[in-house]
Amino acid sequence: MKRINVTVAVSAYNEEKNIARFLESVLTQKEKGFKISNIWVFSDGSTDKTAKVANSIKSSKIKVFNFKKRIGKSDRLNTIYTKLNTDILVQSDADVIFTHPLVIHDLIQPLIKNKKVAMCGGHPEPAEGETFTEKSINLSFEVYAKLRPEVRGGNNKFSVDGRLLAYKKELVKIIQVPSDMIANDLYTYFCCITNGYKYKYVKTARVTFRSPINLRDHLRQNVRFESAAKRMKKHFSPSLVDRETYIPRLILAKYLLINFLKNPLMAMYILLINQYCRLISHKKESRLSAVWAMAESTKKVIYSSFLLITNS
C-alpha cells in the first residue's frame, strides 16, 4: 500500500504559553501507515515569543513561518492550502494538546479508507475548569458533545471544530477561504459537502483545550461562534445552512435537562449568557473580521498526563 504523507499545520497568534506542549504532543504521534512529513507553524504577527518557542523544539519536521503583520487566520490558511504538497492536511489550533499517541492515526483513517470522505473532525475535550465561568462553559460544552452522535451519527456541523480537522489534498486545493471569514472550520465543512464529498466525525481523535476562564473572554469567543451561521448564508444556500445547523428540539431539550439536573446554577448561568451572545451576534456579525479579539485566558498552559508520561 502507498505510504500516506501528512502535513500538520497551525496558524498561531500569541501562543507562546502552549505552543511547545502542542508540538511535543504532535511529535509523540505514532506513524502507523503514514508519515508526518511537515509540521508547520504560521505565526500570524505574534507579538510574544510564539516563533522563538516553536523554533526551540528540535525536529527537522518543524518549520516556523514568522510573519510580522497580523492579517488573520483565513489568509494564513489559504497560504497553507496553497503550499500543501502531501496527501493529507491535519489542521489544528496551537492551544490544544493531542491526548494520546494515535490521534492522527485515528483521525485520518476515514480519509484513507473511503474515497468519498475528504474531511474529518476530531473530538475536543475541555480541560478541568478552575473558575465558576469556566466550569459552566464546560458544562454547556457537554450538551453538544452528547448530542453529536444523535444527529447523523456525529457526521454533522456540530462536530466540526477547528481545534482538530483533517482534509484530503484534493479538497484543500479547491478551497479559498474568504478574507473576512470568522468560522473557517464551518466554511470548509460547507465546501466539503457542496462539492460532493463526505465528512466524518472521529470520536477517538481527542485533543484537550482550555475554555475561557472569565466572562469577558467567553463573550468574545461565543459571539463569534453564534455569528457563524449568519456568515455562512452569505456564501452558501441559506436553506442548506438552516438544515445543517438544525438541532431536533427533543434531543436538545433532553441534554439541557440532564445538565440542569447536574448543576442547576451553572446551567442557568451559562444558558442566559449564551442567549445574550445569540442576541448580540445579530447586531455584531457584520462587523466581525478574521482578525478577531482573542480570548486570552484560553491560552493558559494545558497540562496532560500523556505528555508527562512520554517525557518522563
Protein backbone atom coordinates (compact mmCIF):
# COMPACT_ATOMS: atom_id res chain seq x y z
CA MET A 1 0.00 0.00 0.00
CA LYS A 2 1.10 3.56 -0.65
CA ARG A 3 2.52 5.27 2.41
CA ILE A 4 0.42 8.34 3.20
CA ASN A 5 2.24 11.64 3.76
CA VAL A 6 0.77 14.08 6.24
CA THR A 7 1.33 17.76 6.98
CA VAL A 8 0.31 19.13 10.39
CA ALA A 9 -0.26 22.89 10.30
CA VAL A 10 -1.40 25.65 12.66
CA SER A 11 -1.98 29.36 12.28
CA ALA A 12 -0.87 30.79 15.62
CA TYR A 13 -1.22 34.19 17.24
CA ASN A 14 0.42 34.81 20.63
CA GLU A 15 0.58 31.14 21.59
CA GLU A 16 3.90 31.13 23.48
CA LYS A 17 2.34 29.57 26.61
CA ASN A 18 1.21 26.33 24.98
CA ILE A 19 2.92 26.03 21.58
CA ALA A 20 5.75 23.86 22.95
CA ARG A 21 3.34 21.38 24.54
CA PHE A 22 1.29 21.27 21.36
CA LEU A 23 4.34 20.49 19.23
CA GLU A 24 5.57 17.89 21.71
CA SER A 25 2.22 16.13 21.54
CA VAL A 26 2.43 16.09 17.73
CA LEU A 27 5.96 14.70 17.78
CA THR A 28 4.87 11.82 20.01
CA GLN A 29 2.30 10.61 17.47
CA LYS A 30 2.86 7.06 16.25
CA GLU A 31 3.18 6.99 12.46
CA LYS A 32 1.37 3.74 11.70
CA GLY A 33 0.69 3.56 7.96
CA PHE A 34 1.54 7.20 7.38
CA LYS A 35 4.40 9.65 7.72
CA ILE A 36 4.33 13.14 9.20
CA SER A 37 6.41 14.95 6.60
CA ASN A 38 5.90 18.52 7.80
CA ILE A 39 4.84 20.37 10.94
CA TRP A 40 4.16 23.99 10.03
CA VAL A 41 3.69 26.84 12.47
CA PHE A 42 2.43 30.02 10.83
CA SER A 43 2.91 32.80 13.38
CA ASP A 44 0.43 35.45 12.28
CA GLY A 45 2.02 38.65 13.54
CA SER A 46 2.54 37.34 17.08
CA THR A 47 3.85 39.96 19.50
CA ASP A 48 5.09 37.40 22.03
CA LYS A 49 7.65 34.57 21.78
CA THR A 50 5.49 32.16 19.76
CA ALA A 51 8.04 31.80 16.93
CA LYS A 52 11.02 31.62 19.28
CA VAL A 53 9.47 28.89 21.43
CA ALA A 54 8.35 26.90 18.37
CA ASN A 55 11.88 27.12 16.91
CA SER A 56 13.31 25.82 20.20
CA ILE A 57 11.64 22.42 19.68
CA LYS A 58 14.29 20.35 17.92
CA SER A 59 12.85 18.46 14.97
CA SER A 60 13.66 18.53 11.27
CA LYS A 61 9.94 18.29 10.57
CA ILE A 62 9.09 21.61 12.21
CA LYS A 63 9.19 24.76 10.10
CA VAL A 64 8.20 28.11 11.56
CA PHE A 65 6.93 30.93 9.33
CA ASN A 66 7.25 34.10 11.39
CA PHE A 67 5.13 36.83 9.80
CA LYS A 68 5.48 40.29 11.29
CA LYS A 69 1.99 41.52 10.37
CA ARG A 70 -1.25 40.00 11.61
CA ILE A 71 -3.67 39.52 8.72
CA GLY A 72 -5.97 36.90 10.21
CA LYS A 73 -6.35 33.15 10.21
CA SER A 74 -8.28 33.00 6.92
CA ASP A 75 -5.44 34.28 4.76
CA ARG A 76 -2.87 32.20 6.63
CA LEU A 77 -4.94 29.08 5.98
CA ASN A 78 -5.12 29.93 2.29
CA THR A 79 -1.32 30.05 2.21
CA ILE A 80 -1.17 26.68 3.96
CA TYR A 81 -3.61 25.21 1.44
CA THR A 82 -1.59 26.56 -1.47
CA LYS A 83 1.71 25.22 -0.08
CA LEU A 84 0.34 21.78 0.80
CA ASN A 85 2.16 19.04 -1.11
CA THR A 86 1.25 15.97 0.96
CA ASP A 87 -1.73 13.63 0.70
CA ILE A 88 -3.42 14.85 3.87
CA LEU A 89 -3.50 18.05 5.91
CA VAL A 90 -4.10 17.84 9.66
CA GLN A 91 -5.17 21.31 10.74
CA SER A 92 -5.23 22.21 14.40
CA ASP A 93 -5.17 25.08 16.84
CA ALA A 94 -1.96 25.75 18.73
CA ASP A 95 -3.68 25.97 22.13
CA VAL A 96 -4.56 22.26 22.28
CA ILE A 97 -2.75 19.05 23.18
CA PHE A 98 -3.17 15.69 21.44
CA THR A 99 -4.23 13.39 24.27
CA HIS A 100 -2.78 10.06 23.09
CA PRO A 101 -0.22 8.81 20.53
CA LEU A 102 -2.79 7.64 17.95
CA VAL A 103 -4.79 10.83 17.49
CA ILE A 104 -3.60 11.49 13.94
CA HIS A 105 -3.75 7.79 13.06
CA ASP A 106 -7.40 7.59 14.11
CA LEU A 107 -8.34 10.94 12.58
CA ILE A 108 -7.15 10.14 9.06
CA GLN A 109 -8.45 6.57 8.76
CA PRO A 110 -11.76 7.56 7.07
CA LEU A 111 -9.77 9.63 4.53
CA ILE A 112 -7.60 6.63 3.71
CA LYS A 113 -10.35 4.01 3.60
CA ASN A 114 -13.17 5.87 1.84
CA LYS A 115 -12.63 7.71 -1.44
CA LYS A 116 -15.71 9.86 -0.88
CA VAL A 117 -14.60 11.14 2.53
CA ALA A 118 -12.48 14.29 2.19
CA MET A 119 -12.78 15.87 5.63
CA CYS A 120 -12.71 14.57 9.20
CA GLY A 121 -13.25 16.17 12.59
CA GLY A 122 -11.81 15.13 15.92
CA HIS A 123 -13.16 15.21 19.45
CA PRO A 124 -12.06 18.22 21.54
CA GLU A 125 -12.38 17.88 25.32
CA PRO A 126 -12.10 20.82 27.73
CA ALA A 127 -9.51 20.70 30.49
CA GLU A 128 -10.88 20.63 34.02
CA GLY A 129 -12.35 24.03 34.86
CA GLU A 130 -10.85 26.28 37.53
CA THR A 131 -13.35 29.15 37.78
CA PHE A 132 -17.14 29.21 38.01
CA THR A 133 -17.40 30.58 34.46
CA GLU A 134 -15.01 28.02 33.02
CA LYS A 135 -16.83 25.15 34.74
CA SER A 136 -20.15 26.49 33.44
CA ILE A 137 -18.82 26.69 29.88
CA ASN A 138 -17.56 23.12 30.16
CA LEU A 139 -20.99 22.04 31.34
CA SER A 140 -22.53 23.69 28.27
CA PHE A 141 -19.94 22.02 26.04
CA GLU A 142 -21.14 18.64 27.33
CA VAL A 143 -24.55 19.26 25.74
CA TYR A 144 -23.08 19.41 22.23
CA ALA A 145 -20.62 16.59 22.90
CA LYS A 146 -23.51 14.32 23.84
CA LEU A 147 -25.93 15.30 21.08
CA ARG A 148 -23.41 14.99 18.22
CA PRO A 149 -23.82 11.21 17.80
CA GLU A 150 -27.61 11.55 17.69
CA VAL A 151 -27.53 13.70 14.54
CA ARG A 152 -26.40 11.57 11.56
CA GLY A 153 -24.07 9.55 13.76
CA GLY A 154 -21.95 12.57 14.57
CA ASN A 155 -21.23 13.39 10.92
CA ASN A 156 -22.63 16.91 11.20
CA LYS A 157 -21.60 20.51 11.67
CA PHE A 158 -21.72 20.16 15.48
CA SER A 159 -18.58 18.02 15.41
CA VAL A 160 -16.74 20.39 13.08
CA ASP A 161 -14.25 22.15 15.32
CA GLY A 162 -11.11 23.99 14.23
CA ARG A 163 -9.22 22.54 17.17
CA LEU A 164 -8.70 19.37 15.11
CA LEU A 165 -9.59 18.73 11.47
CA ALA A 166 -8.12 16.69 8.61
CA TYR A 167 -8.53 17.10 4.84
CA LYS A 168 -7.57 15.31 1.68
CA LYS A 169 -5.34 17.33 -0.58
CA GLU A 170 -7.93 17.27 -3.37
CA LEU A 171 -10.43 19.15 -1.19
CA VAL A 172 -7.91 21.65 0.18
CA LYS A 173 -6.86 22.66 -3.32
CA ILE A 174 -10.36 23.86 -4.22
CA ILE A 175 -10.90 25.88 -1.03
CA GLN A 176 -10.28 29.61 -0.92
CA VAL A 177 -11.32 30.96 2.47
CA PRO A 178 -12.81 34.48 2.26
CA SER A 179 -10.57 37.04 3.94
CA ASP A 180 -13.36 38.10 6.30
CA MET A 181 -14.26 34.58 7.42
CA ILE A 182 -14.95 34.23 11.15
CA ALA A 183 -15.63 30.47 11.15
CA ASN A 184 -13.01 28.81 8.97
CA ASP A 185 -13.84 25.32 10.17
CA LEU A 186 -17.52 25.62 9.28
CA TYR A 187 -16.72 27.22 5.94
CA THR A 188 -14.55 24.27 4.92
CA TYR A 189 -17.30 21.88 6.04
CA PHE A 190 -19.78 23.51 3.66
CA CYS A 191 -17.14 23.47 0.91
CA CYS A 192 -16.76 19.75 1.53
CA ILE A 193 -20.42 18.79 1.30
CA THR A 194 -21.30 21.19 -1.54
CA ASN A 195 -18.51 19.73 -3.66
CA GLY A 196 -19.89 16.22 -3.36
CA TYR A 197 -17.56 14.93 -0.64
CA LYS A 198 -18.39 13.41 2.74
CA TYR A 199 -17.41 14.44 6.24
CA LYS A 200 -16.69 12.03 9.11
CA TYR A 201 -16.52 12.59 12.85
CA VAL A 202 -13.83 10.58 14.67
CA LYS A 203 -14.59 10.36 18.40
CA THR A 204 -11.31 8.66 19.32
CA ALA A 205 -9.19 11.52 17.88
CA ARG A 206 -9.15 13.54 21.08
CA VAL A 207 -7.49 16.84 21.89
CA THR A 208 -7.60 18.83 25.14
CA PHE A 209 -8.25 22.57 25.17
CA ARG A 210 -8.83 25.31 27.72
CA SER A 211 -12.20 27.07 27.91
CA PRO A 212 -12.33 30.80 28.75
CA ILE A 213 -11.89 31.34 32.48
CA ASN A 214 -13.71 34.68 32.62
CA LEU A 215 -16.90 36.17 31.24
CA ARG A 216 -15.19 38.75 29.00
CA ASP A 217 -13.29 36.10 27.08
CA HIS A 218 -16.35 33.88 26.76
CA LEU A 219 -18.37 36.76 25.31
CA ARG A 220 -15.60 37.48 22.79
CA GLN A 221 -15.44 33.86 21.70
CA ASN A 222 -19.10 32.90 21.81
CA VAL A 223 -20.48 35.94 19.97
CA ARG A 224 -18.24 34.94 17.07
CA PHE A 225 -19.43 31.32 17.30
CA GLU A 226 -23.07 32.41 17.35
CA SER A 227 -22.49 34.63 14.29
CA ALA A 228 -21.14 31.76 12.19
CA ALA A 229 -24.42 30.56 10.67
CA LYS A 230 -25.37 34.05 9.54
CA ARG A 231 -21.97 34.50 7.92
CA MET A 232 -22.30 31.12 6.15
CA LYS A 233 -25.52 32.26 4.49
CA LYS A 234 -23.53 34.91 2.61
CA HIS A 235 -21.54 32.15 0.90
CA PHE A 236 -23.86 29.14 0.76
CA SER A 237 -27.55 28.39 0.28
CA PRO A 238 -29.49 29.67 3.32
CA SER A 239 -31.72 26.59 3.22
CA LEU A 240 -28.63 24.35 3.33
CA VAL A 241 -27.20 26.29 6.27
CA ASP A 242 -30.52 26.11 8.13
CA ARG A 243 -30.76 22.37 7.53
CA GLU A 244 -27.21 21.69 8.65
CA THR A 245 -27.43 23.84 11.79
CA TYR A 246 -30.80 22.50 12.93
CA ILE A 247 -30.90 20.54 16.17
CA PRO A 248 -34.01 18.43 16.87
CA ARG A 249 -35.67 20.14 19.81
CA LEU A 250 -36.33 16.97 21.78
CA ILE A 251 -32.67 15.98 21.62
CA LEU A 252 -31.51 19.43 22.67
CA ALA A 253 -34.08 19.62 25.48
CA LYS A 254 -33.03 16.20 26.80
CA TYR A 255 -29.38 17.16 27.23
CA LEU A 256 -30.16 20.63 28.56
CA LEU A 257 -32.32 18.99 31.21
CA ILE A 258 -29.60 16.48 32.10
CA ASN A 259 -27.12 19.31 32.58
CA PHE A 260 -29.63 21.36 34.58
CA LEU A 261 -30.16 18.48 36.97
CA LYS A 262 -26.40 18.03 37.23
CA ASN A 263 -25.81 21.65 38.30
CA PRO A 264 -28.85 23.98 38.15
CA LEU A 265 -26.96 27.18 38.99
CA MET A 266 -24.22 26.71 36.39
CA ALA A 267 -26.70 25.50 33.77
CA MET A 268 -28.95 28.56 34.16
CA TYR A 269 -25.98 30.96 34.27
CA ILE A 270 -24.40 29.75 31.03
CA LEU A 271 -27.78 29.36 29.30
CA LEU A 272 -28.60 33.02 29.94
CA ILE A 273 -25.12 34.15 28.90
CA ASN A 274 -25.31 32.15 25.66
CA GLN A 275 -28.75 33.52 24.88
CA TYR A 276 -27.32 37.01 25.33
CA CYS A 277 -24.49 36.13 22.93
CA ARG A 278 -27.01 34.90 20.39
CA LEU A 279 -28.91 38.19 20.52
CA ILE A 280 -25.75 40.30 20.31
CA SER A 281 -24.43 38.25 17.38
CA HIS A 282 -27.23 39.51 15.12
CA LYS A 283 -26.00 43.07 15.60
CA LYS A 284 -22.26 42.41 15.58
CA GLU A 285 -21.92 39.78 12.83
CA SER A 286 -21.36 42.30 10.03
CA ARG A 287 -18.54 43.96 12.00
CA LEU A 288 -16.62 40.79 12.80
CA SER A 289 -13.49 40.03 10.80
CA ALA A 290 -10.82 37.34 10.56
CA VAL A 291 -8.67 39.46 12.88
CA TRP A 292 -10.89 38.87 15.88
CA ALA A 293 -10.31 39.79 19.53
CA MET A 294 -8.58 36.89 21.26
CA ALA A 295 -9.91 35.05 24.30
CA GLU A 296 -6.63 35.43 26.18
CA SER A 297 -7.46 33.07 29.04
CA THR A 298 -7.78 30.10 26.66
CA LYS A 299 -4.02 30.37 26.09
CA LYS A 300 -3.11 29.11 29.55
CA VAL A 301 -0.75 26.15 29.71
CA ILE A 302 -2.62 22.87 29.33
CA TYR A 303 -1.30 20.00 31.41
CA SER A 304 -1.55 16.47 30.05
CA SER A 305 -0.86 13.17 31.81
CA PHE A 306 0.00 11.75 28.38
CA LEU A 307 2.82 14.25 27.90
CA LEU A 308 4.05 13.79 31.47
CA ILE A 309 4.35 10.04 30.82
CA THR A 310 6.07 10.37 27.43
CA ASN A 311 8.52 13.00 28.70
CA SER A 312 9.47 11.09 31.86
